[in-house]
C-alpha atoms as a PDB file:
ATOM      1  CA  MET A   1      -0.206   0.479  -0.128  1.00  0.00           C
ATOM      2  CA  ALA A   2       1.441   3.403  -0.687  1.00  0.00           C
ATOM      3  CA  ARG A   3       2.061   6.291   1.448  1.00  0.00           C
ATOM      4  CA  SER A   4      -0.085   9.407   0.835  1.00  0.00           C
ATOM      5  CA  ALA A   5       1.360  12.548   0.342  1.00  0.00           C
ATOM      6  CA  THR A   6       1.284  14.194   3.247  1.00  0.00           C
ATOM      7  CA  GLY A   7       3.269  11.094   4.380  1.00  0.00           C
ATOM      8  CA  ASP A   8       1.058   9.521   6.949  1.00  0.00           C
ATOM      9  CA  ARG A   9       2.905   8.011   9.870  1.00  0.00           C
ATOM     10  CA  SER A  10       0.153   7.773  12.564  1.00  0.00           C
ATOM     11  CA  GLN A  11       1.382   4.009  12.716  1.00  0.00           C
ATOM     12  CA  SER A  12       2.722   2.632  10.175  1.00  0.00           C
ATOM     13  CA  GLN A  13       6.438   3.876  11.369  1.00  0.00           C
ATOM     14  CA  PRO A  14       7.484   5.754  14.702  1.00  0.00           C
ATOM     15  CA  VAL A  15       8.832   8.822  14.447  1.00  0.00           C
ATOM     16  CA  ALA A  16      12.766   9.691  15.170  1.00  0.00           C
ATOM     17  CA  THR A  17      13.051  11.035  19.127  1.00  0.00           C
ATOM     18  CA  THR A  18      15.953  12.862  20.592  1.00  0.00           C
ATOM     19  CA  GLY A  19      18.040  10.028  22.330  1.00  0.00           C
ATOM     20  CA  VAL A  20      21.618   9.547  23.325  1.00  0.00           C
ATOM     21  CA  GLN A  21      23.032   9.374  20.136  1.00  0.00           C
ATOM     22  CA  SER A  22      21.705  13.130  19.002  1.00  0.00           C
ATOM     23  CA  SER A  23      22.705  14.310  22.539  1.00  0.00           C
ATOM     24  CA  SER A  24      26.247  13.169  22.802  1.00  0.00           C
ATOM     25  CA  PRO A  25      27.954  15.922  21.163  1.00  0.00           C
ATOM     26  CA  ARG A  26      26.242  18.121  23.100  1.00  0.00           C
ATOM     27  CA  ARG A  27      26.549  16.215  25.387  1.00  0.00           C
ATOM     28  CA  SER A  28      30.693  16.128  25.032  1.00  0.00           C
ATOM     29  CA  ALA A  29      30.294  19.935  24.787  1.00  0.00           C
ATOM     30  CA  GLN A  30      28.744  19.889  27.313  1.00  0.00           C
ATOM     31  CA  VAL A  31      31.792  18.261  29.901  1.00  0.00           C
ATOM     32  CA  GLU A  32      33.840  19.915  28.274  1.00  0.00           C
ATOM     33  CA  ALA A  33      32.500  23.034  28.673  1.00  0.00           C
ATOM     34  CA  GLN A  34      32.511  21.494  32.804  1.00  0.00           C
ATOM     35  CA  ASP A  35      36.051  20.613  32.000  1.00  0.00           C
ATOM     36  CA  ARG A  36      37.439  24.165  31.522  1.00  0.00           C
ATOM     37  CA  ILE A  37      35.453  25.712  34.076  1.00  0.00           C
ATOM     38  CA  ILE A  38      36.665  23.183  36.268  1.00  0.00           C
ATOM     39  CA  ALA A  39      40.054  23.324  35.703  1.00  0.00           C
ATOM     40  CA  GLY A  40      40.025  27.878  35.647  1.00  0.00           C
ATOM     41  CA  LEU A  41      38.942  27.520  39.030  1.00  0.00           C
ATOM     42  CA  ARG A  42      41.417  25.615  40.108  1.00  0.00           C
ATOM     43  CA  ALA A  43      43.526  27.692  39.219  1.00  0.00           C
ATOM     44  CA  MET A  44      42.704  30.413  40.552  1.00  0.00           C
ATOM     45  CA  TRP A  45      42.135  29.344  43.791  1.00  0.00           C
ATOM     46  CA  ALA A  46      45.255  27.905  43.574  1.00  0.00           C
ATOM     47  CA  ASP A  47      46.603  31.586  42.893  1.00  0.00           C
ATOM     48  CA  LEU A  48      44.474  32.683  45.913  1.00  0.00           C
ATOM     49  CA  LEU A  49      46.338  29.932  48.543  1.00  0.00           C
ATOM     50  CA  ALA A  50      49.253  31.402  47.402  1.00  0.00           C
ATOM     51  CA  ARG A  51      49.259  34.621  47.866  1.00  0.00           C
ATOM     52  CA  PRO A  52      50.306  35.778  51.279  1.00  0.00           C
ATOM     53  CA  VAL A  53      47.094  37.028  54.481  1.00  0.00           C
ATOM     54  CA  PRO A  54      46.777  40.675  54.380  1.00  0.00           C
ATOM     55  CA  ALA A  55      48.183  42.609  57.049  1.00  0.00           C
ATOM     56  CA  HIS A  56      44.504  43.869  58.035  1.00  0.00           C
ATOM     57  CA  LEU A  57      43.102  40.030  57.798  1.00  0.00           C
ATOM     58  CA  LEU A  58      46.017  38.913  60.157  1.00  0.00           C
ATOM     59  CA  HIS A  59      45.720  41.594  62.128  1.00  0.00           C
ATOM     60  CA  LEU A  60      41.720  40.174  62.969  1.00  0.00           C
ATOM     61  CA  VAL A  61      42.964  36.923  63.365  1.00  0.00           C
ATOM     62  CA  ARG A  62      45.569  38.436  65.892  1.00  0.00           C
ATOM     63  CA  GLU A  63      42.665  40.550  68.022  1.00  0.00           C
ATOM     64  CA  PHE A  64      40.094  37.034  67.742  1.00  0.00           C
ATOM     65  CA  GLU A  65      42.936  34.757  69.038  1.00  0.00           C
ATOM     66  CA  ARG A  66      43.526  37.775  71.875  1.00  0.00           C
ATOM     67  CA  LYS A  67      39.714  38.274  72.558  1.00  0.00           C
ATOM     68  CA  GLY A  68      39.296  34.491  72.886  1.00  0.00           C
ATOM     69  CA  ALA A  69      42.456  33.989  75.250  1.00  0.00           C
ATOM     70  CA  ASP A  70      40.855  36.987  77.732  1.00  0.00           C
ATOM     71  CA  ASN A  71      37.601  34.468  77.275  1.00  0.00           C
ATOM     72  CA  ASP A  72      38.971  31.129  78.628  1.00  0.00           C
ATOM     73  CA  CYS A  73      40.373  32.651  82.147  1.00  0.00           C
END
């Protein structure tokens, strides 16, 4: 039996849906983008940890430690 000119697939053929095969290139691109972001964040974090602590923050830490030691008695 011939198909109609409109291409009726109602029951004779299943309609293709998006599945794993069609989304895998997008998935791998997303994973690659996430990997680049993670690598960049790790590099920024390593740079931040390598920097010395600013003097004003050291002063605050010493103040907290001093006040904590005063309250322990």
